[in-house]
Amino acid sequence: MDERSFLSRWSRRKALRQEELDEWLGEQPGLTLDPDQRRVVDLACRQGRNVYYTGPGGVGKSHVTQVIVEFLRCVFRSGFS
């Protein structure tokens, strides 16, 4: 499945439930998260926790933030512009 068809499939839905995180992550083309990154995404997206994610340059902090924001945009579509 190419990226456009994937995005159109998810964008047709009203909203994702937080429990669909695993499915959503599995369907993202080229998305890989190491165990620490996955834990941060899980805490923020599935458990609704506040997270403070820090580390040296190049560890993927911006990547993790983008994954969280994109998932939450799908879940809470009407609240994001």
Protein backbone atom coordinates (compact mmCIF):
# COMPACT_ATOMS: atom_id res chain seq x y z
CA MET A 1 0.00 0.00 0.00
CA ASP A 2 1.47 3.34 -0.95
CA GLU A 3 1.50 6.31 1.40
CA ARG A 4 -1.32 8.19 -0.34
CA SER A 5 -3.77 5.31 -0.21
CA PHE A 6 -2.87 4.72 3.43
CA LEU A 7 -3.40 8.36 4.33
CA SER A 8 -6.68 8.55 2.44
CA ARG A 9 -7.89 5.40 4.19
CA TRP A 10 -7.23 6.87 7.63
CA SER A 11 -8.40 10.36 6.71
CA ARG A 12 -11.83 9.02 5.68
CA ARG A 13 -12.40 7.86 9.23
CA LYS A 14 -13.84 10.26 11.74
CA ALA A 15 -11.35 9.44 14.47
CA LEU A 16 -9.16 6.65 15.73
CA ARG A 17 -9.53 5.19 19.16
CA GLN A 18 -6.41 5.29 21.27
CA GLU A 19 -6.47 1.48 21.38
CA GLU A 20 -5.75 1.43 17.65
CA LEU A 21 -2.22 2.73 18.19
CA ASP A 22 -0.54 -0.61 17.42
CA GLU A 23 -2.46 -1.02 14.16
CA TRP A 24 -1.82 2.59 13.15
CA LEU A 25 1.91 2.32 13.87
CA GLY A 26 2.15 -0.94 11.94
CA GLU A 27 0.62 0.63 8.86
CA GLN A 28 2.89 3.67 8.72
CA PRO A 29 5.23 3.27 5.73
CA GLY A 30 8.88 3.18 6.76
CA LEU A 31 8.17 3.96 10.41
CA THR A 32 10.55 2.38 12.89
CA LEU A 33 10.78 3.09 16.59
CA ASP A 34 13.31 1.67 19.02
CA PRO A 35 11.98 0.38 22.37
CA ASP A 36 12.58 3.69 24.18
CA GLN A 37 10.84 5.68 21.45
CA ARG A 38 7.97 3.21 21.41
CA ARG A 39 7.56 3.59 25.17
CA VAL A 40 7.32 7.39 24.85
CA VAL A 41 4.73 7.08 22.07
CA ASP A 42 2.77 4.53 24.11
CA LEU A 43 2.80 6.70 27.24
CA ALA A 44 1.64 9.79 25.36
CA CYS A 45 -0.86 8.22 22.96
CA ARG A 46 -2.32 5.17 24.67
CA GLN A 47 -2.02 6.16 28.31
CA GLY A 48 -2.50 9.92 27.88
CA ARG A 49 0.50 10.67 30.05
CA ASN A 50 2.65 13.78 29.97
CA VAL A 51 6.15 12.93 28.83
CA TYR A 52 9.51 14.67 28.97
CA TYR A 53 11.70 13.11 26.32
CA THR A 54 15.31 14.24 26.27
CA GLY A 55 18.59 13.10 24.82
CA PRO A 56 21.55 14.13 22.70
CA GLY A 57 21.20 15.22 19.10
CA GLY A 58 20.28 12.50 16.65
CA VAL A 59 18.35 10.17 18.96
CA GLY A 60 14.99 10.86 17.29
CA LYS A 61 13.25 13.30 19.61
CA SER A 62 11.69 15.24 16.72
CA HIS A 63 10.71 11.99 14.99
CA VAL A 64 8.92 10.74 18.13
CA THR A 65 7.15 14.08 18.51
CA GLN A 66 5.96 13.93 14.88
CA VAL A 67 4.63 10.39 15.38
CA ILE A 68 2.72 11.45 18.51
CA VAL A 69 1.25 14.53 16.85
CA GLU A 70 0.15 12.61 13.73
CA PHE A 71 -1.52 9.88 15.77
CA LEU A 72 -3.31 12.37 18.00
CA ARG A 73 -4.46 14.31 14.94
CA CYS A 74 -6.13 11.12 13.73
CA VAL A 75 -7.70 10.42 17.12
CA PHE A 76 -8.89 13.94 17.84
CA ARG A 77 -9.34 15.13 14.28
CA SER A 78 -11.87 17.87 15.04
CA GLY A 79 -9.69 19.49 17.71
CA PHE A 80 -6.65 20.02 15.47
CA SER A 81 -6.31 22.59 12.73
